[in-house]
Amino acid sequence: MKTDKISNEAQLDASGNLIHLLGLEGLSSQHINQILDTADSLLDEKGNLKKSKAFKTWAAIAFKFNEDRITHMEDLAKQLGFDNFQLTLSTKFNKNYPSYPINDPLQPSDRYVATGRFTRTTKSLSDKKWIDNCLDIFTKKFYSINKAEKSIIPLCMIGNKGLYINAKGEFKPCCWTGLRYQHNKNIFDYINFNDQLTNVLDDPAWTTLFNDFGAVRECGEKCSAKKWNLDHATSW
């Protein structure tokens, strides 16, 4: 799925928590201007985010192309009235995974490369506190799934993992299937990702995947029934 524009629709849950505001990868002056131009309905006449009950987080992942702008991102988040700044350091670079490109165009300096799974830091920018209601929803779904005689129990069916759009604007069932491994290339070649998102989601060809998760290596490794427990299903 190729995105034509950045969504500027803020979605709130029943408690007034912000579900989605804006999503972006990287940062440049052009990106900032494009994002703010498309988000004009969320800004007041002074250019700050309009007051609401929503808890607003600016979330970023450190890459080679934006590591020199991280401080600027945080300053801009505070200036625009965000409540929280979140920075994630990823492990998914050649330094940790030799199967990734040798001269990895996304790998930042060593200080921004995590070990283990990932490293995430948050900094409060206001007096608001985040109340996470998602865990209760994921827990209920965990206990409702029939896992009898299944070798793979997909976490994307719970909602904690799923509906991922990568930096190229391509839609994937989850971020694991979007990782830059060789075995992930063309695993959904029966889906037309150049179509609009609604058409992609309605494509009957998806049943090929959802009826045969075992054909996808990431599904077999990450969502094996042998790993099935509450922590794995709700925190990964």
Foldseek 3Di string as FASTA:
>chain_A
DADPAWDQDWDADPVFETPDGTDAAADDPVVVVRVLVNNVVQADPVQAGDDGSYQFEAEYEAWQRHVVCLVVSVVVCLVRPHFKYKYKQAQQACVNPVQADPVHRTHHPPVRHDPDGIDMDMDTNDPDDDDDPLLVQLLVVLVVDDCPPDFFDDLLSSPLFAFDQDNRRFTDRGVLLVRPGPLSPCPVVVFDRVDDPVCRVVPPCCVVCVVCVVSRPSRNVLGTPVPDDSCSSRVD
